[in-house]
PDB file of all heavy atoms in Angstrom:
ATOM      1  N   ALA A   1      35.237 -47.924 -11.165  1.00  0.00           N
ATOM      2  CA  ALA A   1      36.008 -48.471 -10.067  1.00  0.00           C
ATOM      3  C   ALA A   1      37.498 -48.554 -10.456  1.00  0.00           C
ATOM      4  O   ALA A   1      38.381 -48.274  -9.617  1.00  0.00           O
ATOM      5  CB  ALA A   1      35.501 -49.843  -9.666  1.00  0.00           C
ATOM      6  N   GLU A   2      37.751 -48.884 -11.733  1.00  0.00           N
ATOM      7  CA  GLU A   2      39.160 -48.921 -12.201  1.00  0.00           C
ATOM      8  C   GLU A   2      39.754 -47.524 -12.187  1.00  0.00           C
ATOM      9  O   GLU A   2      40.940 -47.366 -11.816  1.00  0.00           O
ATOM     10  CB  GLU A   2      39.218 -49.540 -13.600  1.00  0.00           C
ATOM     11  CG  GLU A   2      38.878 -51.028 -13.680  1.00  0.00           C
ATOM     12  CD  GLU A   2      39.917 -51.879 -13.018  1.00  0.00           C
ATOM     13  OE1 GLU A   2      41.083 -51.478 -12.925  1.00  0.00           O
ATOM     14  OE2 GLU A   2      39.586 -53.006 -12.610  1.00  0.00           O
ATOM     15  N   VAL A   3      38.979 -46.551 -12.588  1.00  0.00           N
ATOM     16  CA  VAL A   3      39.468 -45.146 -12.541  1.00  0.00           C
ATOM     17  C   VAL A   3      39.714 -44.706 -11.112  1.00  0.00           C
ATOM     18  O   VAL A   3      40.718 -44.083 -10.785  1.00  0.00           O
ATOM     19  CB  VAL A   3      38.489 -44.214 -13.259  1.00  0.00           C
ATOM     20  CG1 VAL A   3      38.899 -42.753 -13.066  1.00  0.00           C
ATOM     21  CG2 VAL A   3      38.386 -44.545 -14.757  1.00  0.00           C
ATOM     22  N   GLU A   4      38.823 -45.077 -10.216  1.00  0.00           N
ATOM     23  CA  GLU A   4      38.998 -44.726  -8.794  1.00  0.00           C
ATOM     24  C   GLU A   4      40.272 -45.366  -8.216  1.00  0.00           C
ATOM     25  O   GLU A   4      41.024 -44.705  -7.448  1.00  0.00           O
ATOM     26  CB  GLU A   4      37.783 -45.172  -7.983  1.00  0.00           C
ATOM     27  CG  GLU A   4      36.552 -44.300  -8.256  1.00  0.00           C
ATOM     28  CD  GLU A   4      35.325 -44.870  -7.568  1.00  0.00           C
ATOM     29  OE1 GLU A   4      35.257 -46.085  -7.327  1.00  0.00           O
ATOM     30  OE2 GLU A   4      34.386 -44.080  -7.276  1.00  0.00           O
ATOM     31  N   LYS A   5      40.586 -46.578  -8.601  1.00  0.00           N
ATOM     32  CA  LYS A   5      41.805 -47.247  -8.142  1.00  0.00           C
ATOM     33  C   LYS A   5      43.035 -46.509  -8.670  1.00  0.00           C
ATOM     34  O   LYS A   5      44.024 -46.305  -7.935  1.00  0.00           O
ATOM     35  CB  LYS A   5      41.837 -48.703  -8.585  1.00  0.00           C
ATOM     36  CG  LYS A   5      40.942 -49.607  -7.805  1.00  0.00           C
ATOM     37  CD  LYS A   5      41.228 -51.083  -8.036  1.00  0.00           C
ATOM     38  CE  LYS A   5      41.075 -51.514  -9.435  1.00  0.00           C
ATOM     39  NZ  LYS A   5      41.279 -52.988  -9.639  1.00  0.00           N
ATOM     40  N   ALA A   6      42.980 -46.080  -9.922  1.00  0.00           N
ATOM     41  CA  ALA A   6      44.097 -45.335 -10.490  1.00  0.00           C
ATOM     42  C   ALA A   6      44.261 -44.000  -9.840  1.00  0.00           C
ATOM     43  O   ALA A   6      45.411 -43.562  -9.611  1.00  0.00           O
ATOM     44  CB  ALA A   6      43.868 -45.176 -12.014  1.00  0.00           C
ATOM     45  N   ILE A   7      43.169 -43.326  -9.531  1.00  0.00           N
ATOM     46  CA  ILE A   7      43.260 -42.037  -8.815  1.00  0.00           C
ATOM     47  C   ILE A   7      43.919 -42.263  -7.444  1.00  0.00           C
ATOM     48  O   ILE A   7      44.815 -41.502  -7.073  1.00  0.00           O
ATOM     49  CB  ILE A   7      41.838 -41.441  -8.634  1.00  0.00           C
ATOM     50  CG1 ILE A   7      41.274 -40.980  -9.991  1.00  0.00           C
ATOM     51  CG2 ILE A   7      41.894 -40.282  -7.651  1.00  0.00           C
ATOM     52  CD1 ILE A   7      39.827 -40.581  -9.940  1.00  0.00           C
ATOM     53  N   ALA A   8      43.493 -43.269  -6.747  1.00  0.00           N
ATOM     54  CA  ALA A   8      44.054 -43.535  -5.417  1.00  0.00           C
ATOM     55  C   ALA A   8      45.558 -43.845  -5.520  1.00  0.00           C
ATOM     56  O   ALA A   8      46.338 -43.392  -4.654  1.00  0.00           O
ATOM     57  CB  ALA A   8      43.323 -44.698  -4.763  1.00  0.00           C
ATOM     58  N   SER A   9      45.963 -44.561  -6.530  1.00  0.00           N
ATOM     59  CA  SER A   9      47.358 -44.883  -6.718  1.00  0.00           C
ATOM     60  C   SER A   9      48.173 -43.598  -6.930  1.00  0.00           C
ATOM     61  O   SER A   9      49.269 -43.435  -6.365  1.00  0.00           O
ATOM     62  CB  SER A   9      47.525 -45.829  -7.902  1.00  0.00           C
ATOM     63  OG  SER A   9      48.885 -46.036  -8.197  1.00  0.00           O
ATOM     64  N   LEU A  10      47.666 -42.688  -7.767  1.00  0.00           N
ATOM     65  CA  LEU A  10      48.373 -41.431  -8.042  1.00  0.00           C
ATOM     66  C   LEU A  10      48.412 -40.532  -6.767  1.00  0.00           C
ATOM     67  O   LEU A  10      49.422 -39.914  -6.451  1.00  0.00           O
ATOM     68  CB  LEU A  10      47.730 -40.682  -9.178  1.00  0.00           C
ATOM     69  CG  LEU A  10      47.940 -41.298 -10.565  1.00  0.00           C
ATOM     70  CD1 LEU A  10      47.001 -40.668 -11.579  1.00  0.00           C
ATOM     71  CD2 LEU A  10      49.412 -41.084 -11.004  1.00  0.00           C
ATOM     72  N   GLN A  11      47.293 -40.527  -6.048  1.00  0.00           N
ATOM     73  CA  GLN A  11      47.236 -39.671  -4.860  1.00  0.00           C
ATOM     74  C   GLN A  11      48.162 -40.168  -3.751  1.00  0.00           C
ATOM     75  O   GLN A  11      48.628 -39.375  -2.900  1.00  0.00           O
ATOM     76  CB  GLN A  11      45.809 -39.619  -4.335  1.00  0.00           C
ATOM     77  CG  GLN A  11      44.865 -38.810  -5.211  1.00  0.00           C
ATOM     78  CD  GLN A  11      43.433 -38.833  -4.730  1.00  0.00           C
ATOM     79  OE1 GLN A  11      42.974 -39.823  -4.156  1.00  0.00           O
ATOM     80  NE2 GLN A  11      42.711 -37.750  -4.935  1.00  0.00           N
ATOM     81  N   ALA A  12      48.482 -41.470  -3.794  1.00  0.00           N
ATOM     82  CA  ALA A  12      49.380 -42.006  -2.779  1.00  0.00           C
ATOM     83  C   ALA A  12      50.851 -41.739  -3.073  1.00  0.00           C
ATOM     84  O   ALA A  12      51.708 -41.985  -2.227  1.00  0.00           O
ATOM     85  CB  ALA A  12      49.155 -43.552  -2.679  1.00  0.00           C
ATOM     86  N   GLY A  13      51.126 -41.219  -4.279  1.00  0.00           N
ATOM     87  CA  GLY A  13      52.513 -40.941  -4.661  1.00  0.00           C
ATOM     88  C   GLY A  13      52.749 -39.441  -4.758  1.00  0.00           C
ATOM     89  O   GLY A  13      51.920 -38.600  -4.425  1.00  0.00           O
ATOM     90  N   PRO A  14      53.947 -39.092  -5.282  1.00  0.00           N
ATOM     91  CA  PRO A  14      54.335 -37.657  -5.315  1.00  0.00           C
ATOM     92  C   PRO A  14      53.645 -36.827  -6.373  1.00  0.00           C
ATOM     93  O   PRO A  14      53.670 -35.586  -6.330  1.00  0.00           O
ATOM     94  CB  PRO A  14      55.836 -37.728  -5.578  1.00  0.00           C
ATOM     95  CG  PRO A  14      56.018 -39.034  -6.315  1.00  0.00           C
ATOM     96  CD  PRO A  14      55.013 -39.991  -5.751  1.00  0.00           C
ATOM     97  N   HIS A  15      53.061 -37.500  -7.385  1.00  0.00           N
ATOM     98  CA  HIS A  15      52.520 -36.767  -8.519  1.00  0.00           C
ATOM     99  C   HIS A  15      51.108 -36.222  -8.286  1.00  0.00           C
ATOM    100  O   HIS A  15      50.749 -35.178  -8.835  1.00  0.00           O
ATOM    101  CB  HIS A  15      52.513 -37.662  -9.771  1.00  0.00           C
ATOM    102  CG  HIS A  15      53.858 -38.214 -10.095  1.00  0.00           C
ATOM    103  ND1 HIS A  15      54.855 -37.471 -10.687  1.00  0.00           N
ATOM    104  CD2 HIS A  15      54.380 -39.468  -9.925  1.00  0.00           C
ATOM    105  CE1 HIS A  15      55.916 -38.211 -10.841  1.00  0.00           C
ATOM    106  NE2 HIS A  15      55.658 -39.431 -10.412  1.00  0.00           N
ATOM    107  N   GLY A  16      50.317 -36.910  -7.481  1.00  0.00           N
ATOM    108  CA  GLY A  16      48.925 -36.521  -7.322  1.00  0.00           C
ATOM    109  C   GLY A  16      48.152 -36.757  -8.620  1.00  0.00           C
ATOM    110  O   GLY A  16      48.644 -37.365  -9.557  1.00  0.00           O
ATOM    111  N   PHE A  17      46.926 -36.336  -8.650  1.00  0.00           N
ATOM    112  CA  PHE A  17      46.024 -36.617  -9.795  1.00  0.00           C
ATOM    113  C   PHE A  17      45.590 -35.288 -10.392  1.00  0.00           C
ATOM    114  O   PHE A  17      44.981 -34.454  -9.717  1.00  0.00           O
ATOM    115  CB  PHE A  17      44.822 -37.426  -9.308  1.00  0.00           C
ATOM    116  CG  PHE A  17      43.734 -37.587 -10.376  1.00  0.00           C
ATOM    117  CD1 PHE A  17      44.012 -38.096 -11.605  1.00  0.00           C
ATOM    118  CD2 PHE A  17      42.421 -37.224 -10.067  1.00  0.00           C
ATOM    119  CE1 PHE A  17      43.047 -38.237 -12.572  1.00  0.00           C
ATOM    120  CE2 PHE A  17      41.438 -37.329 -11.021  1.00  0.00           C
ATOM    121  CZ  PHE A  17      41.741 -37.861 -12.271  1.00  0.00           C
ATOM    122  N   SER A  18      45.828 -35.142 -11.712  1.00  0.00           N
ATOM    123  CA  SER A  18      45.446 -33.922 -12.414  1.00  0.00           C
ATOM    124  C   SER A  18      44.277 -34.156 -13.370  1.00  0.00           C
ATOM    125  O   SER A  18      43.382 -33.291 -13.462  1.00  0.00           O
ATOM    126  CB  SER A  18      46.614 -33.322 -13.173  1.00  0.00           C
ATOM    127  OG  SER A  18      47.013 -34.139 -14.243  1.00  0.00           O
ATOM    128  N   ALA A  19      44.272 -35.285 -14.123  1.00  0.00           N
ATOM    129  CA  ALA A  19      43.285 -35.386 -15.185  1.00  0.00           C
ATOM    130  C   ALA A  19      43.101 -36.825 -15.643  1.00  0.00           C
ATOM    131  O   ALA A  19      44.000 -37.641 -15.582  1.00  0.00           O
ATOM    132  CB  ALA A  19      43.676 -34.536 -16.374  1.00  0.00           C
ATOM    133  N   LEU A  20      41.900 -37.087 -16.125  1.00  0.00           N
ATOM    134  CA  LEU A  20      41.566 -38.254 -16.942  1.00  0.00           C
ATOM    135  C   LEU A  20      41.473 -37.788 -18.379  1.00  0.00           C
ATOM    136  O   LEU A  20      40.719 -36.850 -18.669  1.00  0.00           O
ATOM    137  CB  LEU A  20      40.261 -38.858 -16.496  1.00  0.00           C
ATOM    138  CG  LEU A  20      39.656 -39.919 -17.435  1.00  0.00           C
ATOM    139  CD1 LEU A  20      40.435 -41.252 -17.352  1.00  0.00           C
ATOM    140  CD2 LEU A  20      38.158 -40.178 -17.085  1.00  0.00           C
ATOM    141  N   ILE A  21      42.162 -38.434 -19.308  1.00  0.00           N
ATOM    142  CA  ILE A  21      42.079 -38.086 -20.725  1.00  0.00           C
ATOM    143  C   ILE A  21      41.478 -39.293 -21.468  1.00  0.00           C
ATOM    144  O   ILE A  21      41.964 -40.424 -21.367  1.00  0.00           O
ATOM    145  CB  ILE A  21      43.442 -37.680 -21.335  1.00  0.00           C
ATOM    146  CG1 ILE A  21      43.231 -37.258 -22.821  1.00  0.00           C
ATOM    147  CG2 ILE A  21      44.501 -38.717 -21.164  1.00  0.00           C
ATOM    148  CD1 ILE A  21      44.441 -36.574 -23.426  1.00  0.00           C
ATOM    149  N   ILE A  22      40.394 -39.007 -22.185  1.00  0.00           N
ATOM    150  CA  ILE A  22      39.725 -40.057 -22.970  1.00  0.00           C
ATOM    151  C   ILE A  22      39.278 -39.516 -24.299  1.00  0.00           C
ATOM    152  O   ILE A  22      39.014 -38.316 -24.418  1.00  0.00           O
ATOM    153  CB  ILE A  22      38.476 -40.646 -22.223  1.00  0.00           C
ATOM    154  CG1 ILE A  22      37.522 -39.511 -21.833  1.00  0.00           C
ATOM    155  CG2 ILE A  22      38.898 -41.498 -20.999  1.00  0.00           C
ATOM    156  CD1 ILE A  22      36.147 -40.024 -21.342  1.00  0.00           C
ATOM    157  N   ASP A  23      39.169 -40.377 -25.266  1.00  0.00           N
ATOM    158  CA  ASP A  23      38.352 -40.115 -26.434  1.00  0.00           C
ATOM    159  C   ASP A  23      36.959 -40.536 -26.022  1.00  0.00           C
ATOM    160  O   ASP A  23      36.717 -41.691 -25.701  1.00  0.00           O
ATOM    161  CB  ASP A  23      38.860 -40.943 -27.620  1.00  0.00           C
ATOM    162  CG  ASP A  23      37.935 -40.934 -28.825  1.00  0.00           C
ATOM    163  OD1 ASP A  23      36.735 -40.600 -28.678  1.00  0.00           O
ATOM    164  OD2 ASP A  23      38.387 -41.313 -29.914  1.00  0.00           O
ATOM    165  N   PRO A  24      35.970 -39.634 -25.976  1.00  0.00           N
ATOM    166  CA  PRO A  24      34.654 -40.009 -25.428  1.00  0.00           C
ATOM    167  C   PRO A  24      33.909 -41.038 -26.300  1.00  0.00           C
ATOM    168  O   PRO A  24      32.933 -41.624 -25.846  1.00  0.00           O
ATOM    169  CB  PRO A  24      33.897 -38.668 -25.415  1.00  0.00           C
ATOM    170  CG  PRO A  24      34.581 -37.832 -26.438  1.00  0.00           C
ATOM    171  CD  PRO A  24      36.025 -38.220 -26.398  1.00  0.00           C
ATOM    172  N   PHE A  25      34.403 -41.302 -27.500  1.00  0.00           N
ATOM    173  CA  PHE A  25      33.878 -42.337 -28.346  1.00  0.00           C
ATOM    174  C   PHE A  25      34.737 -43.621 -28.275  1.00  0.00           C
ATOM    175  O   PHE A  25      34.333 -44.631 -28.757  1.00  0.00           O
ATOM    176  CB  PHE A  25      33.823 -41.846 -29.796  1.00  0.00           C
ATOM    177  CG  PHE A  25      32.929 -42.644 -30.725  1.00  0.00           C
ATOM    178  CD1 PHE A  25      31.586 -42.760 -30.507  1.00  0.00           C
ATOM    179  CD2 PHE A  25      33.482 -43.295 -31.828  1.00  0.00           C
ATOM    180  CE1 PHE A  25      30.774 -43.469 -31.372  1.00  0.00           C
ATOM    181  CE2 PHE A  25      32.686 -44.028 -32.695  1.00  0.00           C
ATOM    182  CZ  PHE A  25      31.313 -44.114 -32.459  1.00  0.00           C
ATOM    183  N   PHE A  26      35.838 -43.513 -27.600  1.00  0.00           N
ATOM    184  CA  PHE A  26      36.788 -44.627 -27.432  1.00  0.00           C
ATOM    185  C   PHE A  26      37.108 -45.246 -28.788  1.00  0.00           C
ATOM    186  O   PHE A  26      36.993 -46.476 -29.002  1.00  0.00           O
ATOM    187  CB  PHE A  26      36.257 -45.665 -26.427  1.00  0.00           C
ATOM    188  CG  PHE A  26      36.099 -45.138 -25.048  1.00  0.00           C
ATOM    189  CD1 PHE A  26      34.841 -44.693 -24.579  1.00  0.00           C
ATOM    190  CD2 PHE A  26      37.181 -45.026 -24.191  1.00  0.00           C
ATOM    191  CE1 PHE A  26      34.706 -44.209 -23.271  1.00  0.00           C
ATOM    192  CE2 PHE A  26      37.031 -44.528 -22.906  1.00  0.00           C
ATOM    193  CZ  PHE A  26      35.788 -44.117 -22.435  1.00  0.00           C
ATOM    194  N   ALA A  27      37.521 -44.423 -29.740  1.00  0.00           N
ATOM    195  CA  ALA A  27      37.691 -44.809 -31.100  1.00  0.00           C
ATOM    196  C   ALA A  27      38.755 -45.886 -31.292  1.00  0.00           C
ATOM    197  O   ALA A  27      38.533 -46.932 -31.909  1.00  0.00           O
ATOM    198  CB  ALA A  27      38.033 -43.600 -31.974  1.00  0.00           C
ATOM    199  N   ASN A  28      39.957 -45.654 -30.748  1.00  0.00           N
ATOM    200  CA  ASN A  28      41.018 -46.613 -30.921  1.00  0.00           C
ATOM    201  C   ASN A  28      40.833 -47.905 -30.105  1.00  0.00           C
ATOM    202  O   ASN A  28      41.402 -48.936 -30.369  1.00  0.00           O
ATOM    203  CB  ASN A  28      42.376 -45.990 -30.542  1.00  0.00           C
ATOM    204  CG  ASN A  28      42.849 -45.018 -31.607  1.00  0.00           C
ATOM    205  OD1 ASN A  28      42.655 -45.211 -32.774  1.00  0.00           O
ATOM    206  ND2 ASN A  28      43.435 -43.961 -31.182  1.00  0.00           N
ATOM    207  N   GLU A  29      39.978 -47.768 -29.119  1.00  0.00           N
ATOM    208  CA  GLU A  29      39.614 -48.955 -28.307  1.00  0.00           C
ATOM    209  C   GLU A  29      38.595 -49.856 -29.057  1.00  0.00           C
ATOM    210  O   GLU A  29      38.296 -50.954 -28.573  1.00  0.00           O
ATOM    211  CB  GLU A  29      39.036 -48.534 -26.962  1.00  0.00           C
ATOM    212  CG  GLU A  29      40.049 -47.837 -26.046  1.00  0.00           C
ATOM    213  CD  GLU A  29      40.157 -46.329 -26.239  1.00  0.00           C
ATOM    214  OE1 GLU A  29      39.814 -45.862 -27.346  1.00  0.00           O
ATOM    215  OE2 GLU A  29      40.607 -45.662 -25.335  1.00  0.00           O
ATOM    216  N   GLY A  30      38.095 -49.384 -30.173  1.00  0.00           N
ATOM    217  CA  GLY A  30      37.140 -50.159 -30.965  1.00  0.00           C
ATOM    218  C   GLY A  30      35.719 -49.611 -30.887  1.00  0.00           C
ATOM    219  O   GLY A  30      34.763 -50.313 -31.199  1.00  0.00           O
ATOM    220  N   PHE A  31      35.576 -48.322 -30.494  1.00  0.00           N
ATOM    221  CA  PHE A  31      34.339 -47.600 -30.392  1.00  0.00           C
ATOM    222  C   PHE A  31      33.189 -48.478 -29.843  1.00  0.00           C
ATOM    223  O   PHE A  31      32.197 -48.768 -30.548  1.00  0.00           O
ATOM    224  CB  PHE A  31      33.919 -46.910 -31.694  1.00  0.00           C
ATOM    225  CG  PHE A  31      34.157 -47.701 -32.973  1.00  0.00           C
ATOM    226  CD1 PHE A  31      33.167 -48.547 -33.511  1.00  0.00           C
ATOM    227  CD2 PHE A  31      35.357 -47.645 -33.625  1.00  0.00           C
ATOM    228  CE1 PHE A  31      33.382 -49.266 -34.642  1.00  0.00           C
ATOM    229  CE2 PHE A  31      35.577 -48.363 -34.787  1.00  0.00           C
ATOM    230  CZ  PHE A  31      34.583 -49.142 -35.261  1.00  0.00           C
ATOM    231  N   PRO A  32      33.292 -48.912 -28.608  1.00  0.00           N
ATOM    232  CA  PRO A  32      32.284 -49.752 -27.984  1.00  0.00           C
ATOM    233  C   PRO A  32      30.929 -49.035 -27.918  1.00  0.00           C
ATOM    234  O   PRO A  32      30.875 -47.817 -27.780  1.00  0.00           O
ATOM    235  CB  PRO A  32      32.813 -50.058 -26.583  1.00  0.00           C
ATOM    236  CG  PRO A  32      33.701 -48.877 -26.274  1.00  0.00           C
ATOM    237  CD  PRO A  32      34.350 -48.508 -27.600  1.00  0.00           C
ATOM    238  N   ASP A  33      29.865 -49.805 -28.027  1.00  0.00           N
ATOM    239  CA  ASP A  33      28.509 -49.263 -27.829  1.00  0.00           C
ATOM    240  C   ASP A  33      28.257 -49.207 -26.336  1.00  0.00           C
ATOM    241  O   ASP A  33      28.003 -50.239 -25.682  1.00  0.00           O
ATOM    242  CB  ASP A  33      27.451 -50.148 -28.521  1.00  0.00           C
ATOM    243  CG  ASP A  33      27.359 -49.882 -29.994  1.00  0.00           C
ATOM    244  OD1 ASP A  33      27.710 -48.770 -30.436  1.00  0.00           O
ATOM    245  OD2 ASP A  33      26.950 -50.768 -30.772  1.00  0.00           O
ATOM    246  N   LEU A  34      28.256 -48.044 -25.768  1.00  0.00           N
ATOM    247  CA  LEU A  34      28.169 -47.850 -24.331  1.00  0.00           C
ATOM    248  C   LEU A  34      26.778 -47.364 -23.958  1.00  0.00           C
ATOM    249  O   LEU A  34      26.189 -46.551 -24.689  1.00  0.00           O
ATOM    250  CB  LEU A  34      29.213 -46.872 -23.828  1.00  0.00           C
ATOM    251  CG  LEU A  34      30.678 -47.312 -24.156  1.00  0.00           C
ATOM    252  CD1 LEU A  34      31.640 -46.205 -23.743  1.00  0.00           C
ATOM    253  CD2 LEU A  34      31.048 -48.615 -23.470  1.00  0.00           C
ATOM    254  N   PRO A  35      26.242 -47.800 -22.821  1.00  0.00           N
ATOM    255  CA  PRO A  35      24.925 -47.371 -22.402  1.00  0.00           C
ATOM    256  C   PRO A  35      24.881 -45.891 -22.052  1.00  0.00           C
ATOM    257  O   PRO A  35      25.897 -45.321 -21.679  1.00  0.00           O
ATOM    258  CB  PRO A  35      24.612 -48.251 -21.186  1.00  0.00           C
ATOM    259  CG  PRO A  35      25.973 -48.589 -20.643  1.00  0.00           C
ATOM    260  CD  PRO A  35      26.878 -48.735 -21.853  1.00  0.00           C
ATOM    261  N   ALA A  36      23.724 -45.264 -22.125  1.00  0.00           N
ATOM    262  CA  ALA A  36      23.550 -43.880 -21.722  1.00  0.00           C
ATOM    263  C   ALA A  36      24.009 -43.714 -20.280  1.00  0.00           C
ATOM    264  O   ALA A  36      23.702 -44.549 -19.420  1.00  0.00           O
ATOM    265  CB  ALA A  36      22.107 -43.440 -21.887  1.00  0.00           C
ATOM    266  N   GLY A  37      24.767 -42.659 -20.045  1.00  0.00           N
ATOM    267  CA  GLY A  37      25.270 -42.389 -18.700  1.00  0.00           C
ATOM    268  C   GLY A  37      26.461 -43.246 -18.276  1.00  0.00           C
ATOM    269  O   GLY A  37      26.828 -43.241 -17.096  1.00  0.00           O
ATOM    270  N   PHE A  38      27.049 -43.943 -19.224  1.00  0.00           N
ATOM    271  CA  PHE A  38      28.152 -44.841 -18.918  1.00  0.00           C
ATOM    272  C   PHE A  38      29.308 -44.132 -18.158  1.00  0.00           C
ATOM    273  O   PHE A  38      29.905 -44.675 -17.247  1.00  0.00           O
ATOM    274  CB  PHE A  38      28.731 -45.486 -20.183  1.00  0.00           C
ATOM    275  CG  PHE A  38      29.938 -46.362 -19.953  1.00  0.00           C
ATOM    276  CD1 PHE A  38      29.792 -47.633 -19.532  1.00  0.00           C
ATOM    277  CD2 PHE A  38      31.224 -45.851 -20.174  1.00  0.00           C
ATOM    278  CE1 PHE A  38      30.935 -48.460 -19.311  1.00  0.00           C
ATOM    279  CE2 PHE A  38      32.334 -46.675 -19.950  1.00  0.00           C
ATOM    280  CZ  PHE A  38      32.180 -47.979 -19.529  1.00  0.00           C
ATOM    281  N   LEU A  39      29.557 -42.875 -18.540  1.00  0.00           N
ATOM    282  CA  LEU A  39      30.694 -42.156 -17.945  1.00  0.00           C
ATOM    283  C   LEU A  39      30.307 -41.326 -16.728  1.00  0.00           C
ATOM    284  O   LEU A  39      31.196 -40.680 -16.140  1.00  0.00           O
ATOM    285  CB  LEU A  39      31.330 -41.235 -19.018  1.00  0.00           C
ATOM    286  CG  LEU A  39      32.089 -41.950 -20.139  1.00  0.00           C
ATOM    287  CD1 LEU A  39      32.498 -40.960 -21.217  1.00  0.00           C
ATOM    288  CD2 LEU A  39      33.369 -42.623 -19.569  1.00  0.00           C
ATOM    289  N   ASP A  40      29.085 -41.307 -16.331  1.00  0.00           N
ATOM    290  CA  ASP A  40      28.648 -40.462 -15.219  1.00  0.00           C
ATOM    291  C   ASP A  40      29.415 -40.728 -13.944  1.00  0.00           C
ATOM    292  O   ASP A  40      29.929 -39.807 -13.282  1.00  0.00           O
ATOM    293  CB  ASP A  40      27.143 -40.587 -14.982  1.00  0.00           C
ATOM    294  CG  ASP A  40      26.305 -40.000 -16.085  1.00  0.00           C
ATOM    295  OD1 ASP A  40      26.860 -39.399 -17.031  1.00  0.00           O
ATOM    296  OD2 ASP A  40      25.066 -40.144 -16.030  1.00  0.00           O
ATOM    297  N   LYS A  41      29.489 -41.971 -13.545  1.00  0.00           N
ATOM    298  CA  LYS A  41      30.222 -42.322 -12.317  1.00  0.00           C
ATOM    299  C   LYS A  41      31.703 -42.033 -12.420  1.00  0.00           C
ATOM    300  O   LYS A  41      32.339 -41.586 -11.447  1.00  0.00           O
ATOM    301  CB  LYS A  41      29.986 -43.804 -11.961  1.00  0.00           C
ATOM    302  CG  LYS A  41      28.553 -44.091 -11.504  1.00  0.00           C
ATOM    303  CD  LYS A  41      28.420 -45.548 -11.141  1.00  0.00           C
ATOM    304  CE  LYS A  41      26.960 -45.846 -10.644  1.00  0.00           C
ATOM    305  NZ  LYS A  41      26.778 -47.263 -10.253  1.00  0.00           N
ATOM    306  N   THR A  42      32.247 -42.250 -13.598  1.00  0.00           N
ATOM    307  CA  THR A  42      33.671 -41.973 -13.807  1.00  0.00           C
ATOM    308  C   THR A  42      33.966 -40.482 -13.669  1.00  0.00           C
ATOM    309  O   THR A  42      34.891 -40.054 -12.973  1.00  0.00           O
ATOM    310  CB  THR A  42      34.119 -42.472 -15.179  1.00  0.00           C
ATOM    311  OG1 THR A  42      33.998 -43.900 -15.243  1.00  0.00           O
ATOM    312  CG2 THR A  42      35.521 -42.045 -15.507  1.00  0.00           C
ATOM    313  N   VAL A  43      33.134 -39.641 -14.322  1.00  0.00           N
ATOM    314  CA  VAL A  43      33.301 -38.222 -14.257  1.00  0.00           C
ATOM    315  C   VAL A  43      33.157 -37.712 -12.817  1.00  0.00           C
ATOM    316  O   VAL A  43      33.909 -36.862 -12.351  1.00  0.00           O
ATOM    317  CB  VAL A  43      32.343 -37.505 -15.202  1.00  0.00           C
ATOM    318  CG1 VAL A  43      32.344 -35.993 -14.958  1.00  0.00           C
ATOM    319  CG2 VAL A  43      32.681 -37.813 -16.670  1.00  0.00           C
ATOM    320  N   ALA A  44      32.155 -38.271 -12.129  1.00  0.00           N
ATOM    321  CA  ALA A  44      31.957 -37.866 -10.743  1.00  0.00           C
ATOM    322  C   ALA A  44      33.166 -38.221  -9.887  1.00  0.00           C
ATOM    323  O   ALA A  44      33.568 -37.420  -8.988  1.00  0.00           O
ATOM    324  CB  ALA A  44      30.689 -38.576 -10.157  1.00  0.00           C
ATOM    325  N   ALA A  45      33.795 -39.353 -10.113  1.00  0.00           N
ATOM    326  CA  ALA A  45      34.985 -39.752  -9.370  1.00  0.00           C
ATOM    327  C   ALA A  45      36.141 -38.813  -9.656  1.00  0.00           C
ATOM    328  O   ALA A  45      36.927 -38.437  -8.753  1.00  0.00           O
ATOM    329  CB  ALA A  45      35.378 -41.182  -9.719  1.00  0.00           C
ATOM    330  N   VAL A  46      36.311 -38.442 -10.906  1.00  0.00           N
ATOM    331  CA  VAL A  46      37.369 -37.487 -11.293  1.00  0.00           C
ATOM    332  C   VAL A  46      37.170 -36.164 -10.599  1.00  0.00           C
ATOM    333  O   VAL A  46      38.112 -35.581 -10.018  1.00  0.00           O
ATOM    334  CB  VAL A  46      37.436 -37.339 -12.810  1.00  0.00           C
ATOM    335  CG1 VAL A  46      38.369 -36.187 -13.206  1.00  0.00           C
ATOM    336  CG2 VAL A  46      37.869 -38.646 -13.481  1.00  0.00           C
TER     337      VAL A  46
END
């Protein structure tokens, strides 16, 4: 939902939306233990 809000914000401006960039392990974020399929909805939104 946070990613979707960010997409909408970019689409409402002159830049539009090109990409989501992530470390899929979220290393610098502290490498959280994420459930299987955690990114599925995010990728679908992108």
